[in-house]
């Protein structure tokens, strides 16, 4: 799949859920994802892409998951089993170390922090507004998790008219099967490009 050229004027890097609970040793969800994170070299690849984006004038958008509160889902009619499981663990708990940014991915001056999401970075947030106000056409997605929040965000972004790029080795999931589903089964139904970090760096 050929990489487009990514212009600083019209491209945004979406950094999805770069929390300690996902990316740092000791994080609540790092253990289940660590084998895939290490296998693809995710952290080094994310660092390289973020650095290249900033150096080339590509704006970085932080797309954070809702930080858990003990009161979440009170009186909800239809929470999913997945949501209730995460609630029990209090993943990314508000005010906790696990809900803070991984130290390699702390927002910098000029970055945009989007309103917190529940699954898709677009649904119920200001991401679309922020991207349009900055003239963005291409969105490059990295972070966690490939087959959940990245997929939901990318699919929604395509439906809003953005050109969507997934980066195979700058994301992870809880299994190799989930990664294959994200990039080989579902990704081609909505993404305009599914690339490696090397491809993206060459196109920036």
Foldseek 3Di string as FASTA:
>chain_A
DADAFDALQAEEEEAEAQFCLCPPVVRVNVVLWVVFLVVLVQVVLLLVLVVLCVVRNRAYEYQYADQADLCPPVVPDDDDPVRVVCNVVRQLHPPDRRVDHDPSDDDDPRHHYKDHDHWESPPPICVVVVSVVSNYAEYEYAYDDLQIHVLNNQQVCQVVRHAYEYALSNHTHSDPVSSCCRQPNRCVVRHPYYYHSVSNSVSD
